[in-house]
Amino acid sequence: MNRIKEVLEDQGRTQTWLAKKLEKSYVVVTKYCNNHTQPSIPTLIKIAAILDVDVRELLVSTKE
């Protein structure tokens, strides 16, 4: 599970904006944001760089 959608909302950015920055289709980014598919590790790192956050902020912790 990832938190891409939440981070985008916190920053006031859209999935369309992220799709353009990633050079991927809106459909692919929407699937990432809705946790229907997960981005590869290199793509997740790129998303973190685009959003200027630590990659760990994009992941849901498995420990409490």
C-alpha atoms as a PDB file:
ATOM      1  CA  MET A   1       0.000   0.000   0.000  1.00  0.00           C
ATOM      2  CA  ASN A   2       1.148   3.520  -0.719  1.00  0.00           C
ATOM      3  CA  ARG A   3       0.208   7.058   0.302  1.00  0.00           C
ATOM      4  CA  ILE A   4       0.758   8.792  -3.043  1.00  0.00           C
ATOM      5  CA  LYS A   5      -2.814  10.082  -3.183  1.00  0.00           C
ATOM      6  CA  GLU A   6      -2.647  11.531   0.340  1.00  0.00           C
ATOM      7  CA  VAL A   7       0.670  13.267  -0.299  1.00  0.00           C
ATOM      8  CA  LEU A   8      -0.655  14.762  -3.547  1.00  0.00           C
ATOM      9  CA  GLU A   9      -3.724  16.073  -1.691  1.00  0.00           C
ATOM     10  CA  ASP A  10      -1.572  17.479   1.127  1.00  0.00           C
ATOM     11  CA  GLN A  11       0.488  19.376  -1.461  1.00  0.00           C
ATOM     12  CA  GLY A  12      -2.546  20.539  -3.440  1.00  0.00           C
ATOM     13  CA  ARG A  13      -1.381  18.692  -6.539  1.00  0.00           C
ATOM     14  CA  THR A  14      -3.345  16.520  -8.935  1.00  0.00           C
ATOM     15  CA  GLN A  15      -2.865  13.076 -10.371  1.00  0.00           C
ATOM     16  CA  THR A  16      -2.783  14.675 -13.822  1.00  0.00           C
ATOM     17  CA  TRP A  17       0.136  16.862 -12.730  1.00  0.00           C
ATOM     18  CA  LEU A  18       2.028  13.822 -11.422  1.00  0.00           C
ATOM     19  CA  ALA A  19       1.320  11.850 -14.595  1.00  0.00           C
ATOM     20  CA  LYS A  20       2.870  14.626 -16.691  1.00  0.00           C
ATOM     21  CA  LYS A  21       5.931  14.844 -14.422  1.00  0.00           C
ATOM     22  CA  LEU A  22       6.389  11.049 -14.514  1.00  0.00           C
ATOM     23  CA  GLU A  23       5.725  10.922 -18.249  1.00  0.00           C
ATOM     24  CA  LYS A  24       3.155   8.193 -17.630  1.00  0.00           C
ATOM     25  CA  SER A  25      -0.514   8.059 -18.491  1.00  0.00           C
ATOM     26  CA  TYR A  26      -3.147   9.395 -16.129  1.00  0.00           C
ATOM     27  CA  VAL A  27      -4.606   5.869 -15.918  1.00  0.00           C
ATOM     28  CA  VAL A  28      -1.319   4.423 -14.622  1.00  0.00           C
ATOM     29  CA  VAL A  29      -0.985   7.132 -11.965  1.00  0.00           C
ATOM     30  CA  THR A  30      -4.613   6.692 -10.930  1.00  0.00           C
ATOM     31  CA  LYS A  31      -3.974   2.982 -10.418  1.00  0.00           C
ATOM     32  CA  TYR A  32      -0.997   3.862  -8.209  1.00  0.00           C
ATOM     33  CA  CYS A  33      -3.027   6.390  -6.231  1.00  0.00           C
ATOM     34  CA  ASN A  34      -5.923   3.983  -5.691  1.00  0.00           C
ATOM     35  CA  ASN A  35      -3.576   1.114  -4.782  1.00  0.00           C
ATOM     36  CA  HIS A  36      -4.805  -1.064  -7.638  1.00  0.00           C
ATOM     37  CA  THR A  37      -1.192  -1.481  -8.756  1.00  0.00           C
ATOM     38  CA  GLN A  38       2.054  -0.501  -7.104  1.00  0.00           C
ATOM     39  CA  PRO A  39       4.859   1.439  -8.766  1.00  0.00           C
ATOM     40  CA  SER A  40       8.235  -0.215  -9.100  1.00  0.00           C
ATOM     41  CA  ILE A  41      10.883   0.834  -6.587  1.00  0.00           C
ATOM     42  CA  PRO A  42      12.670   3.071  -9.162  1.00  0.00           C
ATOM     43  CA  THR A  43       9.342   4.711 -10.045  1.00  0.00           C
ATOM     44  CA  LEU A  44       8.502   5.196  -6.365  1.00  0.00           C
ATOM     45  CA  ILE A  45      11.869   6.872  -5.844  1.00  0.00           C
ATOM     46  CA  LYS A  46      11.168   9.139  -8.826  1.00  0.00           C
ATOM     47  CA  ILE A  47       7.737  10.032  -7.420  1.00  0.00           C
ATOM     48  CA  ALA A  48       9.335  10.899  -4.075  1.00  0.00           C
ATOM     49  CA  ALA A  49      11.839  13.156  -5.835  1.00  0.00           C
ATOM     50  CA  ILE A  50       9.094  14.894  -7.827  1.00  0.00           C
ATOM     51  CA  LEU A  51       7.040  15.443  -4.675  1.00  0.00           C
ATOM     52  CA  ASP A  52      10.162  16.412  -2.700  1.00  0.00           C
ATOM     53  CA  VAL A  53       9.465  13.938   0.099  1.00  0.00           C
ATOM     54  CA  ASP A  54      11.342  11.026   1.617  1.00  0.00           C
ATOM     55  CA  VAL A  55      10.324   7.822  -0.143  1.00  0.00           C
ATOM     56  CA  ARG A  56       9.236   6.416   3.227  1.00  0.00           C
ATOM     57  CA  GLU A  57       6.482   9.044   3.371  1.00  0.00           C
ATOM     58  CA  LEU A  58       4.890   7.374   0.355  1.00  0.00           C
ATOM     59  CA  LEU A  59       4.617   3.981   2.047  1.00  0.00           C
ATOM     60  CA  VAL A  60       2.163   2.680   4.585  1.00  0.00           C
ATOM     61  CA  SER A  61       4.025   1.299   7.580  1.00  0.00           C
ATOM     62  CA  THR A  62       3.610  -2.390   8.280  1.00  0.00           C
ATOM     63  CA  LYS A  63       4.474  -1.851  11.951  1.00  0.00           C
ATOM     64  CA  GLU A  64       2.690   0.211  14.517  1.00  0.00           C
END
